C-alpha cells in the first residue's frame, strides 16, 4: 500500500510539472508574438485583432494605432491599442 501511495504522488507531481511547462510555453509564445508585432507594425499592414476584426493600419502611435475596416463605401475606423493585435496578416 505504501508503494502505491508513493507512485500516485509521483504521477501527480509529473502531471503538475507538465501543466506548468505547457502554460509557461503559451505565455512565452504570446510575448514573442507581441514583440514581433511591435517591431513590424507599419502603415499599410493588414492585421487581425484579438476581437477578430480584420483591418488595415492607417496610423501608428507608440501605444495605439488607427485601423480601417470594411469594404466598398462602408468603412469603419477603429482606434485600438497595439497590445490588442493578435497577428499581422500582411506586412
PDB file of N, CA and C in Angstrom:
ATOM      1  N   UNK A   1       0.830  -1.192   0.000  1.00  0.00           N
ATOM      2  CA  UNK A   1       0.000   0.000   0.000  1.00  0.00           C
ATOM      3  C   UNK A   1       0.873   1.254   0.000  1.00  0.00           C
ATOM      4  N   UNK A   2       1.976   1.209   0.717  1.00  0.00           N
ATOM      5  CA  UNK A   2       2.866   2.358   0.800  1.00  0.00           C
ATOM      6  C   UNK A   2       3.500   2.661  -0.560  1.00  0.00           C
ATOM      7  N   UNK A   3       3.808   1.638  -1.332  1.00  0.00           N
ATOM      8  CA  UNK A   3       4.411   1.819  -2.655  1.00  0.00           C
ATOM      9  C   UNK A   3       3.412   2.460  -3.617  1.00  0.00           C
ATOM     10  N   UNK A   4       2.151   2.064  -3.555  1.00  0.00           N
ATOM     11  CA  UNK A   4       1.124   2.633  -4.425  1.00  0.00           C
ATOM     12  C   UNK A   4       0.923   4.116  -4.129  1.00  0.00           C
ATOM     13  N   UNK A   5       0.992   4.490  -2.865  1.00  0.00           N
ATOM     14  CA  UNK A   5       0.828   5.882  -2.466  1.00  0.00           C
ATOM     15  C   UNK A   5       1.970   6.739  -3.003  1.00  0.00           C
ATOM     16  N   UNK A   6       3.192   6.230  -2.934  1.00  0.00           N
ATOM     17  CA  UNK A   6       4.341   6.954  -3.478  1.00  0.00           C
ATOM     18  C   UNK A   6       4.214   7.111  -4.981  1.00  0.00           C
ATOM     19  N   UNK A   7       3.755   6.073  -5.662  1.00  0.00           N
ATOM     20  CA  UNK A   7       3.578   6.129  -7.110  1.00  0.00           C
ATOM     21  C   UNK A   7       2.527   7.168  -7.499  1.00  0.00           C
ATOM     22  N   UNK A   8       1.452   7.247  -6.731  1.00  0.00           N
ATOM     23  CA  UNK A   8       0.404   8.238  -7.008  1.00  0.00           C
ATOM     24  C   UNK A   8       0.942   9.658  -6.835  1.00  0.00           C
ATOM     25  N   UNK A   9       1.744   9.882  -5.801  1.00  0.00           N
ATOM     26  CA  UNK A   9       2.341  11.211  -5.602  1.00  0.00           C
ATOM     27  C   UNK A   9       3.298  11.582  -6.736  1.00  0.00           C
ATOM     28  N   UNK A  10       4.072  10.606  -7.185  1.00  0.00           N
ATOM     29  CA  UNK A  10       4.998  10.855  -8.290  1.00  0.00           C
ATOM     30  C   UNK A  10       4.238  11.221  -9.558  1.00  0.00           C
ATOM     31  N   UNK A  11       3.156  10.508  -9.833  1.00  0.00           N
ATOM     32  CA  UNK A  11       2.343  10.795 -11.016  1.00  0.00           C
ATOM     33  C   UNK A  11       1.724  12.185 -10.913  1.00  0.00           C
ATOM     34  N   UNK A  12       1.218  12.545  -9.743  1.00  0.00           N
ATOM     35  CA  UNK A  12       0.636  13.869  -9.551  1.00  0.00           C
ATOM     36  C   UNK A  12       1.676  14.980  -9.733  1.00  0.00           C
ATOM     37  N   UNK A  13       2.859  14.759  -9.238  1.00  0.00           N
ATOM     38  CA  UNK A  13       3.925  15.752  -9.396  1.00  0.00           C
ATOM     39  C   UNK A  13       4.299  15.900 -10.870  1.00  0.00           C
ATOM     40  N   UNK A  14       4.398  14.806 -11.583  1.00  0.00           N
ATOM     41  CA  UNK A  14       4.728  14.856 -13.008  1.00  0.00           C
ATOM     42  C   UNK A  14       3.636  15.591 -13.780  1.00  0.00           C
ATOM     43  N   UNK A  15       2.374  15.306 -13.488  1.00  0.00           N
ATOM     44  CA  UNK A  15       1.272  15.995 -14.167  1.00  0.00           C
ATOM     45  C   UNK A  15       1.270  17.489 -13.858  1.00  0.00           C
ATOM     46  N   UNK A  16       1.549  17.866 -12.620  1.00  0.00           N
ATOM     47  CA  UNK A  16       1.599  19.278 -12.254  1.00  0.00           C
ATOM     48  C   UNK A  16       2.733  19.993 -12.995  1.00  0.00           C
ATOM     49  N   UNK A  17       3.891  19.347 -13.096  1.00  0.00           N
ATOM     50  CA  UNK A  17       5.010  19.941 -13.827  1.00  0.00           C
ATOM     51  C   UNK A  17       4.714  20.085 -15.316  1.00  0.00           C
ATOM     52  N   UNK A  18       4.070  19.089 -15.906  1.00  0.00           N
ATOM     53  CA  UNK A  18       3.706  19.169 -17.320  1.00  0.00           C
ATOM     54  C   UNK A  18       2.729  20.322 -17.554  1.00  0.00           C
ATOM     55  N   UNK A  19       1.741  20.473 -16.689  1.00  0.00           N
ATOM     56  CA  UNK A  19       0.776  21.570 -16.807  1.00  0.00           C
ATOM     57  C   UNK A  19       1.480  22.912 -16.703  1.00  0.00           C
ATOM     58  N   UNK A  20       2.411  23.036 -15.778  1.00  0.00           N
ATOM     59  CA  UNK A  20       3.143  24.285 -15.584  1.00  0.00           C
ATOM     60  C   UNK A  20       3.952  24.642 -16.830  1.00  0.00           C
ATOM     61  N   UNK A  21       4.672  23.679 -17.390  1.00  0.00           N
ATOM     62  CA  UNK A  21       5.515  23.959 -18.550  1.00  0.00           C
ATOM     63  C   UNK A  21       4.694  24.275 -19.793  1.00  0.00           C
ATOM     64  N   UNK A  22       3.558  23.596 -19.975  1.00  0.00           N
ATOM     65  CA  UNK A  22       2.718  23.917 -21.131  1.00  0.00           C
ATOM     66  C   UNK A  22       2.112  25.304 -21.015  1.00  0.00           C
ATOM     67  N   UNK A  23       1.688  25.703 -19.833  1.00  0.00           N
ATOM     68  CA  UNK A  23       1.136  27.045 -19.667  1.00  0.00           C
ATOM     69  C   UNK A  23       2.239  28.093 -19.785  1.00  0.00           C
ATOM     70  N   UNK A  24       3.420  27.797 -19.324  1.00  0.00           N
ATOM     71  CA  UNK A  24       4.547  28.711 -19.456  1.00  0.00           C
ATOM     72  C   UNK A  24       4.929  28.872 -20.920  1.00  0.00           C
ATOM     73  N   UNK A  25       4.870  27.813 -21.699  1.00  0.00           N
ATOM     74  CA  UNK A  25       5.204  27.866 -23.112  1.00  0.00           C
ATOM     75  C   UNK A  25       4.232  28.788 -23.854  1.00  0.00           C
ATOM     76  N   UNK A  26       2.955  28.732 -23.529  1.00  0.00           N
ATOM     77  CA  UNK A  26       1.978  29.607 -24.169  1.00  0.00           C
ATOM     78  C   UNK A  26       2.263  31.071 -23.869  1.00  0.00           C
ATOM     79  N   UNK A  27       2.620  31.379 -22.627  1.00  0.00           N
ATOM     80  CA  UNK A  27       2.946  32.756 -22.268  1.00  0.00           C
ATOM     81  C   UNK A  27       4.178  33.256 -23.012  1.00  0.00           C
ATOM     82  N   UNK A  28       5.183  32.417 -23.143  1.00  0.00           N
ATOM     83  CA  UNK A  28       6.394  32.809 -23.870  1.00  0.00           C
ATOM     84  C   UNK A  28       6.095  33.049 -25.347  1.00  0.00           C
ATOM     85  N   UNK A  29       5.232  32.208 -25.939  1.00  0.00           N
ATOM     86  CA  UNK A  29       4.863  32.398 -27.338  1.00  0.00           C
ATOM     87  C   UNK A  29       4.103  33.705 -27.533  1.00  0.00           C
ATOM     88  N   UNK A  30       3.215  34.044 -26.605  1.00  0.00           N
ATOM     89  CA  UNK A  30       2.467  35.296 -26.705  1.00  0.00           C
ATOM     90  C   UNK A  30       3.387  36.508 -26.583  1.00  0.00           C
ATOM     91  N   UNK A  31       4.353  36.454 -25.659  1.00  0.00           N
ATOM     92  CA  UNK A  31       5.300  37.554 -25.515  1.00  0.00           C
ATOM     93  C   UNK A  31       6.148  37.718 -26.772  1.00  0.00           C
ATOM     94  N   UNK A  32       6.561  36.606 -27.351  1.00  0.00           N
ATOM     95  CA  UNK A  32       7.360  36.634 -28.569  1.00  0.00           C
ATOM     96  C   UNK A  32       6.553  37.238 -29.724  1.00  0.00           C
ATOM     97  N   UNK A  33       5.270  36.875 -29.821  1.00  0.00           N
ATOM     98  CA  UNK A  33       4.402  37.402 -30.863  1.00  0.00           C
ATOM     99  C   UNK A  33       4.177  38.901 -30.686  1.00  0.00           C
ATOM    100  N   UNK A  34       3.971  39.369 -29.455  1.00  0.00           N
ATOM    101  CA  UNK A  34       3.771  40.797 -29.187  1.00  0.00           C
ATOM    102  C   UNK A  34       5.016  41.597 -29.565  1.00  0.00           C
ATOM    103  N   UNK A  35       6.189  41.043 -29.274  1.00  0.00           N
ATOM    104  CA  UNK A  35       7.438  41.716 -29.633  1.00  0.00           C
ATOM    105  C   UNK A  35       7.580  41.814 -31.153  1.00  0.00           C
ATOM    106  N   UNK A  36       7.206  40.746 -31.864  1.00  0.00           N
ATOM    107  CA  UNK A  36       7.257  40.743 -33.326  1.00  0.00           C
ATOM    108  C   UNK A  36       6.301  41.785 -33.903  1.00  0.00           C
ATOM    109  N   UNK A  37       5.108  41.880 -33.329  1.00  0.00           N
ATOM    110  CA  UNK A  37       4.114  42.837 -33.812  1.00  0.00           C
ATOM    111  C   UNK A  37       4.604  44.261 -33.606  1.00  0.00           C
ATOM    112  N   UNK A  38       5.137  44.578 -32.431  1.00  0.00           N
ATOM    113  CA  UNK A  38       5.624  45.932 -32.175  1.00  0.00           C
ATOM    114  C   UNK A  38       6.769  46.303 -33.105  1.00  0.00           C
ATOM    115  N   UNK A  39       7.573  45.324 -33.464  1.00  0.00           N
ATOM    116  CA  UNK A  39       8.725  45.585 -34.328  1.00  0.00           C
ATOM    117  C   UNK A  39       8.307  45.784 -35.783  1.00  0.00           C
ATOM    118  N   UNK A  40       7.315  45.041 -36.266  1.00  0.00           N
ATOM    119  CA  UNK A  40       6.983  45.019 -37.685  1.00  0.00           C
ATOM    120  C   UNK A  40       5.701  45.755 -38.060  1.00  0.00           C
ATOM    121  N   UNK A  41       5.002  46.353 -37.111  1.00  0.00           N
ATOM    122  CA  UNK A  41       3.761  47.055 -37.421  1.00  0.00           C
ATOM    123  C   UNK A  41       4.065  48.370 -38.121  1.00  0.00           C
ATOM    124  N   UNK A  42       3.441  48.584 -39.258  1.00  0.00           N
ATOM    125  CA  UNK A  42       3.647  49.830 -40.004  1.00  0.00           C
ATOM    126  C   UNK A  42       2.370  50.168 -40.762  1.00  0.00           C
ATOM    127  N   UNK A  43       2.335  51.361 -41.295  1.00  0.00           N
ATOM    128  CA  UNK A  43       1.175  51.816 -42.059  1.00  0.00           C
ATOM    129  C   UNK A  43       1.018  50.932 -43.293  1.00  0.00           C
ATOM    130  N   UNK A  44      -0.199  50.471 -43.536  1.00  0.00           N
ATOM    131  CA  UNK A  44      -0.476  49.595 -44.671  1.00  0.00           C
ATOM    132  C   UNK A  44      -0.530  48.130 -44.306  1.00  0.00           C
ATOM    133  N   UNK A  45      -0.150  47.764 -43.094  1.00  0.00           N
ATOM    134  CA  UNK A  45      -0.196  46.367 -42.673  1.00  0.00           C
ATOM    135  C   UNK A  45      -1.639  45.932 -42.451  1.00  0.00           C
ATOM    136  N   UNK A  46      -1.968  44.744 -42.904  1.00  0.00           N
ATOM    137  CA  UNK A  46      -3.279  44.167 -42.624  1.00  0.00           C
ATOM    138  C   UNK A  46      -3.137  43.339 -41.348  1.00  0.00           C
ATOM    139  N   UNK A  47      -4.070  43.556 -40.394  1.00  0.00           N
ATOM    140  CA  UNK A  47      -3.947  42.925 -39.084  1.00  0.00           C
ATOM    141  C   UNK A  47      -5.243  42.216 -38.690  1.00  0.00           C
ATOM    142  N   UNK A  48      -5.123  41.365 -37.686  1.00  0.00           N
ATOM    143  CA  UNK A  48      -6.258  40.709 -37.046  1.00  0.00           C
ATOM    144  C   UNK A  48      -6.187  41.044 -35.568  1.00  0.00           C
ATOM    145  N   UNK A  49      -7.254  41.636 -35.023  1.00  0.00           N
ATOM    146  CA  UNK A  49      -7.262  41.995 -33.611  1.00  0.00           C
ATOM    147  C   UNK A  49      -7.706  40.805 -32.772  1.00  0.00           C
ATOM    148  N   UNK A  50      -7.568  40.919 -31.470  1.00  0.00           N
ATOM    149  CA  UNK A  50      -7.998  39.844 -30.573  1.00  0.00           C
ATOM    150  C   UNK A  50      -9.503  39.642 -30.612  1.00  0.00           C
ATOM    151  N   UNK A  51     -10.253  40.678 -31.002  1.00  0.00           N
ATOM    152  CA  UNK A  51     -11.709  40.545 -31.136  1.00  0.00           C
ATOM    153  C   UNK A  51     -12.099  40.128 -32.548  1.00  0.00           C
ATOM    154  N   UNK A  52     -11.126  39.658 -33.327  1.00  0.00           N
ATOM    155  CA  UNK A  52     -11.288  39.103 -34.673  1.00  0.00           C
ATOM    156  C   UNK A  52     -11.759  40.117 -35.707  1.00  0.00           C
ATOM    157  N   UNK A  53     -11.362  41.367 -35.568  1.00  0.00           N
ATOM    158  CA  UNK A  53     -11.618  42.392 -36.570  1.00  0.00           C
ATOM    159  C   UNK A  53     -10.417  42.446 -37.497  1.00  0.00           C
ATOM    160  N   UNK A  54     -10.683  42.366 -38.796  1.00  0.00           N
ATOM    161  CA  UNK A  54      -9.623  42.461 -39.792  1.00  0.00           C
ATOM    162  C   UNK A  54      -9.614  43.887 -40.317  1.00  0.00           C
ATOM    163  N   UNK A  55      -8.450  44.487 -40.344  1.00  0.00           N
ATOM    164  CA  UNK A  55      -8.363  45.857 -40.813  1.00  0.00           C
ATOM    165  C   UNK A  55      -6.982  46.191 -41.328  1.00  0.00           C
ATOM    166  N   UNK A  56      -6.867  47.404 -41.846  1.00  0.00           N
ATOM    167  CA  UNK A  56      -5.600  47.900 -42.369  1.00  0.00           C
ATOM    168  C   UNK A  56      -5.163  49.098 -41.537  1.00  0.00           C
ATOM    169  N   UNK A  57      -3.903  49.104 -41.147  1.00  0.00           N
ATOM    170  CA  UNK A  57      -3.364  50.170 -40.311  1.00  0.00           C
ATOM    171  C   UNK A  57      -3.173  51.418 -41.166  1.00  0.00           C
ATOM    172  N   UNK A  58      -3.716  52.561 -40.685  1.00  0.00           N
ATOM    173  CA  UNK A  58      -3.523  53.809 -41.417  1.00  0.00           C
ATOM    174  C   UNK A  58      -2.725  54.827 -40.614  1.00  0.00           C
ATOM    175  N   UNK A  59      -2.557  54.571 -39.312  1.00  0.00           N
ATOM    176  CA  UNK A  59      -1.733  55.457 -38.487  1.00  0.00           C
ATOM    177  C   UNK A  59      -1.226  54.667 -37.282  1.00  0.00           C
ATOM    178  N   UNK A  60       0.054  54.853 -36.949  1.00  0.00           N
ATOM    179  CA  UNK A  60       0.659  54.135 -35.829  1.00  0.00           C
ATOM    180  C   UNK A  60       1.249  55.143 -34.851  1.00  0.00           C
ATOM    181  N   UNK A  61       0.896  55.007 -33.571  1.00  0.00           N
ATOM    182  CA  UNK A  61       1.493  55.788 -32.491  1.00  0.00           C
ATOM    183  C   UNK A  61       2.266  54.835 -31.583  1.00  0.00           C
ATOM    184  N   UNK A  62       2.747  55.325 -30.455  1.00  0.00           N
ATOM    185  CA  UNK A  62       3.540  54.468 -29.569  1.00  0.00           C
ATOM    186  C   UNK A  62       2.700  53.400 -28.884  1.00  0.00           C
ATOM    187  N   UNK A  63       1.482  53.735 -28.439  1.00  0.00           N
ATOM    188  CA  UNK A  63       0.669  52.761 -27.704  1.00  0.00           C
ATOM    189  C   UNK A  63      -0.581  52.326 -28.441  1.00  0.00           C
ATOM    190  N   UNK A  64      -0.976  53.046 -29.475  1.00  0.00           N
ATOM    191  CA  UNK A  64      -2.196  52.685 -30.188  1.00  0.00           C
ATOM    192  C   UNK A  64      -2.033  52.924 -31.680  1.00  0.00           C
ATOM    193  N   UNK A  65      -3.014  52.426 -32.434  1.00  0.00           N
ATOM    194  CA  UNK A  65      -2.989  52.642 -33.875  1.00  0.00           C
ATOM    195  C   UNK A  65      -4.416  52.780 -34.384  1.00  0.00           C
ATOM    196  N   UNK A  66      -4.550  53.442 -35.505  1.00  0.00           N
ATOM    197  CA  UNK A  66      -5.842  53.661 -36.145  1.00  0.00           C
ATOM    198  C   UNK A  66      -5.940  52.702 -37.311  1.00  0.00           C
ATOM    199  N   UNK A  67      -7.038  51.928 -37.339  1.00  0.00           N
ATOM    200  CA  UNK A  67      -7.232  50.978 -38.433  1.00  0.00           C
ATOM    201  C   UNK A  67      -8.535  51.295 -39.148  1.00  0.00           C
ATOM    202  N   UNK A  68      -8.615  50.854 -40.390  1.00  0.00           N
ATOM    203  CA  UNK A  68      -9.825  50.994 -41.183  1.00  0.00           C
ATOM    204  C   UNK A  68     -10.286  49.586 -41.550  1.00  0.00           C
ATOM    205  N   UNK A  69     -11.593  49.367 -41.449  1.00  0.00           N
ATOM    206  CA  UNK A  69     -12.152  48.063 -41.726  1.00  0.00           C
ATOM    207  C   UNK A  69     -13.443  48.235 -42.514  1.00  0.00           C
ATOM    208  N   UNK A  70     -13.757  47.288 -43.349  1.00  0.00           N
ATOM    209  CA  UNK A  70     -14.972  47.340 -44.146  1.00  0.00           C
ATOM    210  C   UNK A  70     -14.654  47.255 -45.624  1.00  0.00           C
ATOM    211  N   UNK A  71     -15.703  47.388 -46.455  1.00  0.00           N
ATOM    212  CA  UNK A  71     -15.482  47.351 -47.893  1.00  0.00           C
ATOM    213  C   UNK A  71     -16.466  48.271 -48.591  1.00  0.00           C
ATOM    214  N   UNK A  72     -16.169  48.560 -49.817  1.00  0.00           N
ATOM    215  CA  UNK A  72     -16.936  49.474 -50.662  1.00  0.00           C
ATOM    216  C   UNK A  72     -17.027  50.834 -50.002  1.00  0.00           C
ATOM    217  N   UNK A  73     -18.199  51.390 -49.843  1.00  0.00           N
ATOM    218  CA  UNK A  73     -18.370  52.720 -49.257  1.00  0.00           C
ATOM    219  C   UNK A  73     -18.626  52.667 -47.755  1.00  0.00           C
ATOM    220  N   UNK A  74     -18.637  51.490 -47.161  1.00  0.00           N
ATOM    221  CA  UNK A  74     -18.967  51.333 -45.747  1.00  0.00           C
ATOM    222  C   UNK A  74     -17.715  51.007 -44.938  1.00  0.00           C
ATOM    223  N   UNK A  75     -16.936  52.029 -44.659  1.00  0.00           N
ATOM    224  CA  UNK A  75     -15.712  51.854 -43.885  1.00  0.00           C
ATOM    225  C   UNK A  75     -15.958  52.241 -42.436  1.00  0.00           C
ATOM    226  N   UNK A  76     -15.245  51.586 -41.544  1.00  0.00           N
ATOM    227  CA  UNK A  76     -15.269  51.935 -40.122  1.00  0.00           C
ATOM    228  C   UNK A  76     -13.837  52.175 -39.673  1.00  0.00           C
ATOM    229  N   UNK A  77     -13.662  53.163 -38.842  1.00  0.00           N
ATOM    230  CA  UNK A  77     -12.350  53.485 -38.296  1.00  0.00           C
ATOM    231  C   UNK A  77     -12.329  53.090 -36.827  1.00  0.00           C
ATOM    232  N   UNK A  78     -11.253  52.434 -36.408  1.00  0.00           N
ATOM    233  CA  UNK A  78     -11.096  51.997 -35.024  1.00  0.00           C
ATOM    234  C   UNK A  78      -9.756  52.480 -34.492  1.00  0.00           C
ATOM    235  N   UNK A  79      -9.775  53.012 -33.297  1.00  0.00           N
ATOM    236  CA  UNK A  79      -8.533  53.334 -32.602  1.00  0.00           C
ATOM    237  C   UNK A  79      -8.312  52.227 -31.576  1.00  0.00           C
ATOM    238  N   UNK A  80      -7.291  51.414 -31.785  1.00  0.00           N
ATOM    239  CA  UNK A  80      -7.048  50.267 -30.911  1.00  0.00           C
ATOM    240  C   UNK A  80      -5.644  50.359 -30.324  1.00  0.00           C
ATOM    241  N   UNK A  81      -5.444  49.673 -29.204  1.00  0.00           N
ATOM    242  CA  UNK A  81      -4.117  49.576 -28.610  1.00  0.00           C
ATOM    243  C   UNK A  81      -3.309  48.536 -29.382  1.00  0.00           C
ATOM    244  N   UNK A  82      -2.035  48.756 -29.487  1.00  0.00           N
ATOM    245  CA  UNK A  82      -1.192  47.808 -30.221  1.00  0.00           C
ATOM    246  C   UNK A  82      -1.111  46.460 -29.502  1.00  0.00           C
ATOM    247  N   UNK A  83      -1.371  46.439 -28.193  1.00  0.00           N
ATOM    248  CA  UNK A  83      -1.364  45.165 -27.457  1.00  0.00           C
ATOM    249  C   UNK A  83      -2.554  44.289 -27.808  1.00  0.00           C
ATOM    250  N   UNK A  84      -3.600  44.851 -28.408  1.00  0.00           N
ATOM    251  CA  UNK A  84      -4.785  44.063 -28.743  1.00  0.00           C
ATOM    252  C   UNK A  84      -4.715  43.471 -30.156  1.00  0.00           C
ATOM    253  N   UNK A  85      -3.567  43.603 -30.807  1.00  0.00           N
ATOM    254  CA  UNK A  85      -3.383  42.992 -32.129  1.00  0.00           C
ATOM    255  C   UNK A  85      -2.934  41.559 -31.941  1.00  0.00           C
ATOM    256  N   UNK A  86      -3.676  40.638 -32.545  1.00  0.00           N
ATOM    257  CA  UNK A  86      -3.347  39.218 -32.416  1.00  0.00           C
ATOM    258  C   UNK A  86      -2.248  38.801 -33.375  1.00  0.00           C
ATOM    259  N   UNK A  87      -2.368  39.211 -34.638  1.00  0.00           N
ATOM    260  CA  UNK A  87      -1.303  38.900 -35.599  1.00  0.00           C
ATOM    261  C   UNK A  87      -1.367  39.821 -36.803  1.00  0.00           C
ATOM    262  N   UNK A  88      -0.263  39.885 -37.503  1.00  0.00           N
ATOM    263  CA  UNK A  88      -0.171  40.669 -38.726  1.00  0.00           C
ATOM    264  C   UNK A  88      -0.392  39.701 -39.897  1.00  0.00           C
ATOM    265  N   UNK A  89      -1.403  40.002 -40.725  1.00  0.00           N
ATOM    266  CA  UNK A  89      -1.710  39.126 -41.840  1.00  0.00           C
ATOM    267  C   UNK A  89      -0.807  39.389 -43.042  1.00  0.00           C
ATOM    268  N   UNK A  90      -0.621  40.668 -43.371  1.00  0.00           N
ATOM    269  CA  UNK A  90       0.268  41.055 -44.468  1.00  0.00           C
ATOM    270  C   UNK A  90       1.083  42.254 -44.023  1.00  0.00           C
ATOM    271  N   UNK A  91       2.337  42.227 -44.336  1.00  0.00           N
ATOM    272  CA  UNK A  91       3.205  43.353 -43.963  1.00  0.00           C
ATOM    273  C   UNK A  91       3.324  44.297 -45.135  1.00  0.00           C
TER     274      UNK A  91
END
